[in-house]
PDB file of all heavy atoms in Angstrom:
ATOM      1  N   ARG A   1      12.737  -3.523  -8.883  1.00  0.00           N
ATOM      2  CA  ARG A   1      11.656  -3.282  -7.914  1.00  0.00           C
ATOM      3  C   ARG A   1      10.839  -4.531  -7.618  1.00  0.00           C
ATOM      4  O   ARG A   1      10.472  -4.780  -6.463  1.00  0.00           O
ATOM      5  CB  ARG A   1      10.744  -2.175  -8.447  1.00  0.00           C
ATOM      6  CG  ARG A   1       9.840  -1.547  -7.402  1.00  0.00           C
ATOM      7  CD  ARG A   1       9.072  -0.411  -8.025  1.00  0.00           C
ATOM      8  NE  ARG A   1       9.973   0.588  -8.595  1.00  0.00           N
ATOM      9  CZ  ARG A   1       9.632   1.459  -9.538  1.00  0.00           C
ATOM     10  NH1 ARG A   1       8.399   1.440 -10.038  1.00  0.00           N
ATOM     11  NH2 ARG A   1      10.510   2.335  -9.996  1.00  0.00           N
ATOM     12  N   GLY A   2      10.564  -5.337  -8.626  1.00  0.00           N
ATOM     13  CA  GLY A   2       9.765  -6.536  -8.404  1.00  0.00           C
ATOM     14  C   GLY A   2      10.456  -7.521  -7.480  1.00  0.00           C
ATOM     15  O   GLY A   2       9.814  -8.147  -6.621  1.00  0.00           O
ATOM     16  N   LEU A   3      11.770  -7.657  -7.641  1.00  0.00           N
ATOM     17  CA  LEU A   3      12.549  -8.535  -6.760  1.00  0.00           C
ATOM     18  C   LEU A   3      12.427  -8.083  -5.314  1.00  0.00           C
ATOM     19  O   LEU A   3      12.161  -8.887  -4.414  1.00  0.00           O
ATOM     20  CB  LEU A   3      14.016  -8.512  -7.195  1.00  0.00           C
ATOM     21  CG  LEU A   3      15.031  -9.153  -6.246  1.00  0.00           C
ATOM     22  CD1 LEU A   3      14.878 -10.666  -6.258  1.00  0.00           C
ATOM     23  CD2 LEU A   3      16.452  -8.755  -6.641  1.00  0.00           C
ATOM     24  N   VAL A   4      12.604  -6.785  -5.086  1.00  0.00           N
ATOM     25  CA  VAL A   4      12.556  -6.265  -3.721  1.00  0.00           C
ATOM     26  C   VAL A   4      11.153  -6.395  -3.140  1.00  0.00           C
ATOM     27  O   VAL A   4      10.980  -6.761  -1.972  1.00  0.00           O
ATOM     28  CB  VAL A   4      13.033  -4.800  -3.690  1.00  0.00           C
ATOM     29  CG1 VAL A   4      13.029  -4.272  -2.253  1.00  0.00           C
ATOM     30  CG2 VAL A   4      14.421  -4.662  -4.292  1.00  0.00           C
ATOM     31  N   ALA A   5      10.148  -6.115  -3.961  1.00  0.00           N
ATOM     32  CA  ALA A   5       8.769  -6.227  -3.475  1.00  0.00           C
ATOM     33  C   ALA A   5       8.437  -7.657  -3.080  1.00  0.00           C
ATOM     34  O   ALA A   5       7.719  -7.888  -2.091  1.00  0.00           O
ATOM     35  CB  ALA A   5       7.803  -5.736  -4.546  1.00  0.00           C
ATOM     36  N   SER A   6       8.958  -8.635  -3.816  1.00  0.00           N
ATOM     37  CA  SER A   6       8.680 -10.032  -3.453  1.00  0.00           C
ATOM     38  C   SER A   6       9.329 -10.397  -2.128  1.00  0.00           C
ATOM     39  O   SER A   6       8.763 -11.174  -1.347  1.00  0.00           O
ATOM     40  CB  SER A   6       9.149 -10.975  -4.559  1.00  0.00           C
ATOM     41  OG  SER A   6      10.562 -11.090  -4.619  1.00  0.00           O
ATOM     42  N   VAL A   7      10.502  -9.834  -1.858  1.00  0.00           N
ATOM     43  CA  VAL A   7      11.152 -10.053  -0.564  1.00  0.00           C
ATOM     44  C   VAL A   7      10.327  -9.423   0.554  1.00  0.00           C
ATOM     45  O   VAL A   7      10.112 -10.026   1.611  1.00  0.00           O
ATOM     46  CB  VAL A   7      12.589  -9.505  -0.577  1.00  0.00           C
ATOM     47  CG1 VAL A   7      13.181  -9.489   0.829  1.00  0.00           C
ATOM     48  CG2 VAL A   7      13.464 -10.338  -1.503  1.00  0.00           C
ATOM     49  N   ARG A   8       9.850  -8.211   0.317  1.00  0.00           N
ATOM     50  CA  ARG A   8       8.984  -7.566   1.328  1.00  0.00           C
ATOM     51  C   ARG A   8       7.757  -8.422   1.610  1.00  0.00           C
ATOM     52  O   ARG A   8       7.403  -8.647   2.786  1.00  0.00           O
ATOM     53  CB  ARG A   8       8.544  -6.197   0.822  1.00  0.00           C
ATOM     54  CG  ARG A   8       7.536  -5.490   1.753  1.00  0.00           C
ATOM     55  CD  ARG A   8       6.712  -4.466   1.007  1.00  0.00           C
ATOM     56  NE  ARG A   8       5.991  -5.069  -0.116  1.00  0.00           N
ATOM     57  CZ  ARG A   8       5.460  -4.372  -1.123  1.00  0.00           C
ATOM     58  NH1 ARG A   8       5.572  -3.065  -1.154  1.00  0.00           N
ATOM     59  NH2 ARG A   8       4.810  -5.007  -2.096  1.00  0.00           N
ATOM     60  N   ASP A   9       7.111  -8.911   0.565  1.00  0.00           N
ATOM     61  CA  ASP A   9       5.898  -9.713   0.755  1.00  0.00           C
ATOM     62  C   ASP A   9       6.204 -10.993   1.535  1.00  0.00           C
ATOM     63  O   ASP A   9       5.451 -11.387   2.438  1.00  0.00           O
ATOM     64  CB  ASP A   9       5.274 -10.051  -0.594  1.00  0.00           C
ATOM     65  CG  ASP A   9       4.729  -8.831  -1.312  1.00  0.00           C
ATOM     66  OD1 ASP A   9       4.581  -7.775  -0.656  1.00  0.00           O
ATOM     67  OD2 ASP A   9       4.472  -8.917  -2.527  1.00  0.00           O
ATOM     68  N   LEU A  10       7.295 -11.651   1.179  1.00  0.00           N
ATOM     69  CA  LEU A  10       7.699 -12.869   1.897  1.00  0.00           C
ATOM     70  C   LEU A  10       7.927 -12.566   3.376  1.00  0.00           C
ATOM     71  O   LEU A  10       7.405 -13.275   4.253  1.00  0.00           O
ATOM     72  CB  LEU A  10       8.976 -13.417   1.258  1.00  0.00           C
ATOM     73  CG  LEU A  10       9.701 -14.613   1.875  1.00  0.00           C
ATOM     74  CD1 LEU A  10      10.550 -15.293   0.810  1.00  0.00           C
ATOM     75  CD2 LEU A  10      10.612 -14.226   3.044  1.00  0.00           C
ATOM     76  N   GLU A  11       8.706 -11.528   3.640  1.00  0.00           N
ATOM     77  CA  GLU A  11       9.056 -11.234   5.026  1.00  0.00           C
ATOM     78  C   GLU A  11       7.851 -10.745   5.819  1.00  0.00           C
ATOM     79  O   GLU A  11       7.716 -11.051   7.014  1.00  0.00           O
ATOM     80  CB  GLU A  11      10.220 -10.247   5.061  1.00  0.00           C
ATOM     81  CG  GLU A  11      11.486 -10.849   4.434  1.00  0.00           C
ATOM     82  CD  GLU A  11      12.716  -9.982   4.555  1.00  0.00           C
ATOM     83  OE1 GLU A  11      12.606  -8.848   5.072  1.00  0.00           O
ATOM     84  OE2 GLU A  11      13.798 -10.441   4.132  1.00  0.00           O
ATOM     85  N   ASP A  12       6.942 -10.023   5.162  1.00  0.00           N
ATOM     86  CA  ASP A  12       5.703  -9.631   5.836  1.00  0.00           C
ATOM     87  C   ASP A  12       4.870 -10.861   6.191  1.00  0.00           C
ATOM     88  O   ASP A  12       4.239 -10.913   7.259  1.00  0.00           O
ATOM     89  CB  ASP A  12       4.881  -8.698   4.941  1.00  0.00           C
ATOM     90  CG  ASP A  12       5.444  -7.282   4.883  1.00  0.00           C
ATOM     91  OD1 ASP A  12       6.365  -6.971   5.663  1.00  0.00           O
ATOM     92  OD2 ASP A  12       4.958  -6.501   4.051  1.00  0.00           O
ATOM     93  N   SER A  13       4.860 -11.853   5.308  1.00  0.00           N
ATOM     94  CA  SER A  13       4.101 -13.075   5.584  1.00  0.00           C
ATOM     95  C   SER A  13       4.644 -13.803   6.798  1.00  0.00           C
ATOM     96  O   SER A  13       3.882 -14.298   7.638  1.00  0.00           O
ATOM     97  CB  SER A  13       4.133 -14.005   4.365  1.00  0.00           C
ATOM     98  OG  SER A  13       3.439 -13.453   3.277  1.00  0.00           O
ATOM     99  N   VAL A  14       5.972 -13.855   6.902  1.00  0.00           N
ATOM    100  CA  VAL A  14       6.581 -14.532   8.047  1.00  0.00           C
ATOM    101  C   VAL A  14       6.279 -13.774   9.334  1.00  0.00           C
ATOM    102  O   VAL A  14       5.933 -14.375  10.366  1.00  0.00           O
ATOM    103  CB  VAL A  14       8.099 -14.693   7.845  1.00  0.00           C
ATOM    104  CG1 VAL A  14       8.741 -15.302   9.086  1.00  0.00           C
ATOM    105  CG2 VAL A  14       8.382 -15.566   6.618  1.00  0.00           C
ATOM    106  N   ALA A  15       6.386 -12.453   9.296  1.00  0.00           N
ATOM    107  CA  ALA A  15       6.090 -11.655  10.485  1.00  0.00           C
ATOM    108  C   ALA A  15       4.635 -11.825  10.912  1.00  0.00           C
ATOM    109  O   ALA A  15       4.330 -11.965  12.103  1.00  0.00           O
ATOM    110  CB  ALA A  15       6.403 -10.182  10.221  1.00  0.00           C
ATOM    111  N   ALA A  16       3.722 -11.835   9.931  1.00  0.00           N
ATOM    112  CA  ALA A  16       2.297 -11.974  10.249  1.00  0.00           C
ATOM    113  C   ALA A  16       1.969 -13.348  10.814  1.00  0.00           C
ATOM    114  O   ALA A  16       1.055 -13.485  11.634  1.00  0.00           O
ATOM    115  CB  ALA A  16       1.457 -11.710   8.996  1.00  0.00           C
ATOM    116  N   ALA A  17       2.715 -14.357  10.387  1.00  0.00           N
ATOM    117  CA  ALA A  17       2.437 -15.725  10.843  1.00  0.00           C
ATOM    118  C   ALA A  17       3.034 -16.028  12.210  1.00  0.00           C
ATOM    119  O   ALA A  17       2.660 -17.018  12.847  1.00  0.00           O
ATOM    120  CB  ALA A  17       2.984 -16.728   9.829  1.00  0.00           C
ATOM    121  N   THR A  18       3.962 -15.195  12.650  1.00  0.00           N
ATOM    122  CA  THR A  18       4.645 -15.456  13.913  1.00  0.00           C
ATOM    123  C   THR A  18       3.714 -15.165  15.085  1.00  0.00           C
ATOM    124  O   THR A  18       3.121 -14.088  15.176  1.00  0.00           O
ATOM    125  CB  THR A  18       5.924 -14.605  14.017  1.00  0.00           C
ATOM    126  OG1 THR A  18       6.827 -14.994  12.974  1.00  0.00           O
ATOM    127  CG2 THR A  18       6.599 -14.789  15.366  1.00  0.00           C
ATOM    128  N   GLY A  19       3.581 -16.132  15.967  1.00  0.00           N
ATOM    129  CA  GLY A  19       2.703 -16.017  17.117  1.00  0.00           C
ATOM    130  C   GLY A  19       1.839 -17.252  17.264  1.00  0.00           C
ATOM    131  O   GLY A  19       1.822 -18.120  16.384  1.00  0.00           O
ATOM    132  N   ASP A  20       1.157 -17.346  18.380  1.00  0.00           N
ATOM    133  CA  ASP A  20       0.281 -18.504  18.633  1.00  0.00           C
ATOM    134  C   ASP A  20       1.043 -19.822  18.494  1.00  0.00           C
ATOM    135  O   ASP A  20       0.538 -20.795  17.927  1.00  0.00           O
ATOM    136  CB  ASP A  20      -0.923 -18.498  17.693  1.00  0.00           C
ATOM    137  CG  ASP A  20      -1.829 -17.293  17.909  1.00  0.00           C
ATOM    138  OD1 ASP A  20      -1.933 -16.826  19.058  1.00  0.00           O
ATOM    139  OD2 ASP A  20      -2.419 -16.815  16.923  1.00  0.00           O
ATOM    140  N   GLY A  21       2.283 -19.815  18.975  1.00  0.00           N
ATOM    141  CA  GLY A  21       3.058 -21.049  18.992  1.00  0.00           C
ATOM    142  C   GLY A  21       3.975 -21.252  17.818  1.00  0.00           C
ATOM    143  O   GLY A  21       4.789 -22.182  17.823  1.00  0.00           O
ATOM    144  N   LEU A  22       3.889 -20.412  16.780  1.00  0.00           N
ATOM    145  CA  LEU A  22       4.763 -20.548  15.610  1.00  0.00           C
ATOM    146  C   LEU A  22       5.793 -19.424  15.606  1.00  0.00           C
ATOM    147  O   LEU A  22       5.435 -18.242  15.633  1.00  0.00           O
ATOM    148  CB  LEU A  22       3.955 -20.515  14.314  1.00  0.00           C
ATOM    149  CG  LEU A  22       4.765 -20.734  13.038  1.00  0.00           C
ATOM    150  CD1 LEU A  22       5.289 -22.169  12.973  1.00  0.00           C
ATOM    151  CD2 LEU A  22       3.935 -20.424  11.792  1.00  0.00           C
ATOM    152  N   GLU A  23       7.062 -19.787  15.559  1.00  0.00           N
ATOM    153  CA  GLU A  23       8.160 -18.823  15.496  1.00  0.00           C
ATOM    154  C   GLU A  23       8.665 -18.753  14.059  1.00  0.00           C
ATOM    155  O   GLU A  23       9.075 -19.765  13.492  1.00  0.00           O
ATOM    156  CB  GLU A  23       9.299 -19.244  16.418  1.00  0.00           C
ATOM    157  CG  GLU A  23       8.894 -19.340  17.879  1.00  0.00           C
ATOM    158  CD  GLU A  23      10.025 -19.855  18.749  1.00  0.00           C
ATOM    159  OE1 GLU A  23      10.809 -20.711  18.271  1.00  0.00           O
ATOM    160  OE2 GLU A  23      10.118 -19.411  19.908  1.00  0.00           O
ATOM    161  N   GLY A  24       8.653 -17.548  13.479  1.00  0.00           N
ATOM    162  CA  GLY A  24       9.093 -17.380  12.099  1.00  0.00           C
ATOM    163  C   GLY A  24      10.447 -16.713  12.021  1.00  0.00           C
ATOM    164  O   GLY A  24      10.665 -15.638  12.589  1.00  0.00           O
ATOM    165  N   LEU A  25      11.379 -17.343  11.319  1.00  0.00           N
ATOM    166  CA  LEU A  25      12.705 -16.783  11.096  1.00  0.00           C
ATOM    167  C   LEU A  25      12.935 -16.623   9.598  1.00  0.00           C
ATOM    168  O   LEU A  25      12.664 -17.549   8.813  1.00  0.00           O
ATOM    169  CB  LEU A  25      13.809 -17.682  11.662  1.00  0.00           C
ATOM    170  CG  LEU A  25      14.035 -17.651  13.171  1.00  0.00           C
ATOM    171  CD1 LEU A  25      12.946 -18.449  13.894  1.00  0.00           C
ATOM    172  CD2 LEU A  25      15.407 -18.212  13.515  1.00  0.00           C
ATOM    173  N   VAL A  26      13.420 -15.460   9.207  1.00  0.00           N
ATOM    174  CA  VAL A  26      13.808 -15.193   7.823  1.00  0.00           C
ATOM    175  C   VAL A  26      15.323 -15.178   7.764  1.00  0.00           C
ATOM    176  O   VAL A  26      15.982 -14.444   8.509  1.00  0.00           O
ATOM    177  CB  VAL A  26      13.250 -13.842   7.347  1.00  0.00           C
ATOM    178  CG1 VAL A  26      13.824 -13.486   5.978  1.00  0.00           C
ATOM    179  CG2 VAL A  26      11.735 -13.865   7.301  1.00  0.00           C
ATOM    180  N   LEU A  27      15.889 -15.991   6.894  1.00  0.00           N
ATOM    181  CA  LEU A  27      17.335 -16.006   6.682  1.00  0.00           C
ATOM    182  C   LEU A  27      17.622 -15.327   5.350  1.00  0.00           C
ATOM    183  O   LEU A  27      17.296 -15.852   4.280  1.00  0.00           O
ATOM    184  CB  LEU A  27      17.870 -17.442   6.676  1.00  0.00           C
ATOM    185  CG  LEU A  27      17.607 -18.261   7.940  1.00  0.00           C
ATOM    186  CD1 LEU A  27      18.318 -19.609   7.847  1.00  0.00           C
ATOM    187  CD2 LEU A  27      18.029 -17.514   9.202  1.00  0.00           C
ATOM    188  N   ARG A  28      18.234 -14.153   5.434  1.00  0.00           N
ATOM    189  CA  ARG A  28      18.602 -13.416   4.225  1.00  0.00           C
ATOM    190  C   ARG A  28      20.012 -13.842   3.813  1.00  0.00           C
ATOM    191  O   ARG A  28      21.016 -13.325   4.312  1.00  0.00           O
ATOM    192  CB  ARG A  28      18.586 -11.911   4.483  1.00  0.00           C
ATOM    193  CG  ARG A  28      17.227 -11.280   4.602  1.00  0.00           C
ATOM    194  CD  ARG A  28      17.398  -9.776   4.763  1.00  0.00           C
ATOM    195  NE  ARG A  28      16.135  -9.075   4.893  1.00  0.00           N
ATOM    196  CZ  ARG A  28      16.031  -7.778   5.184  1.00  0.00           C
ATOM    197  NH1 ARG A  28      17.128  -7.049   5.371  1.00  0.00           N
ATOM    198  NH2 ARG A  28      14.846  -7.213   5.285  1.00  0.00           N
ATOM    199  N   TYR A  29      20.085 -14.769   2.887  1.00  0.00           N
ATOM    200  CA  TYR A  29      21.386 -15.253   2.431  1.00  0.00           C
ATOM    201  C   TYR A  29      22.069 -14.211   1.553  1.00  0.00           C
ATOM    202  O   TYR A  29      21.420 -13.484   0.789  1.00  0.00           O
ATOM    203  CB  TYR A  29      21.227 -16.535   1.623  1.00  0.00           C
ATOM    204  CG  TYR A  29      20.617 -17.696   2.360  1.00  0.00           C
ATOM    205  CD1 TYR A  29      19.437 -18.280   1.906  1.00  0.00           C
ATOM    206  CD2 TYR A  29      21.218 -18.227   3.490  1.00  0.00           C
ATOM    207  CE1 TYR A  29      18.875 -19.364   2.563  1.00  0.00           C
ATOM    208  CE2 TYR A  29      20.654 -19.307   4.157  1.00  0.00           C
ATOM    209  CZ  TYR A  29      19.487 -19.874   3.692  1.00  0.00           C
ATOM    210  OH  TYR A  29      18.931 -20.937   4.343  1.00  0.00           O
ATOM    211  N   GLY A  30      23.411 -14.184   1.637  1.00  0.00           N
ATOM    212  CA  GLY A  30      24.197 -13.427   0.683  1.00  0.00           C
ATOM    213  C   GLY A  30      24.348 -14.201  -0.611  1.00  0.00           C
ATOM    214  O   GLY A  30      23.633 -15.169  -0.877  1.00  0.00           O
ATOM    215  N   PHE A  31      25.306 -13.796  -1.444  1.00  0.00           N
ATOM    216  CA  PHE A  31      25.541 -14.476  -2.716  1.00  0.00           C
ATOM    217  C   PHE A  31      26.227 -15.814  -2.437  1.00  0.00           C
ATOM    218  O   PHE A  31      27.329 -15.859  -1.889  1.00  0.00           O
ATOM    219  CB  PHE A  31      26.429 -13.622  -3.628  1.00  0.00           C
ATOM    220  CG  PHE A  31      25.771 -12.361  -4.107  1.00  0.00           C
ATOM    221  CD1 PHE A  31      26.056 -11.142  -3.505  1.00  0.00           C
ATOM    222  CD2 PHE A  31      24.867 -12.385  -5.156  1.00  0.00           C
ATOM    223  CE1 PHE A  31      25.457  -9.970  -3.952  1.00  0.00           C
ATOM    224  CE2 PHE A  31      24.256 -11.223  -5.603  1.00  0.00           C
ATOM    225  CZ  PHE A  31      24.544 -10.004  -5.005  1.00  0.00           C
TER     226      PHE A  31
END
């Protein structure tokens, strides 16, 4: 659960930062 929650927090941060001239992309790498 902690691993997944950290991914959610990271991706939420990128989504929240996107706008006002900054484009946020999250790359979910495989193994």
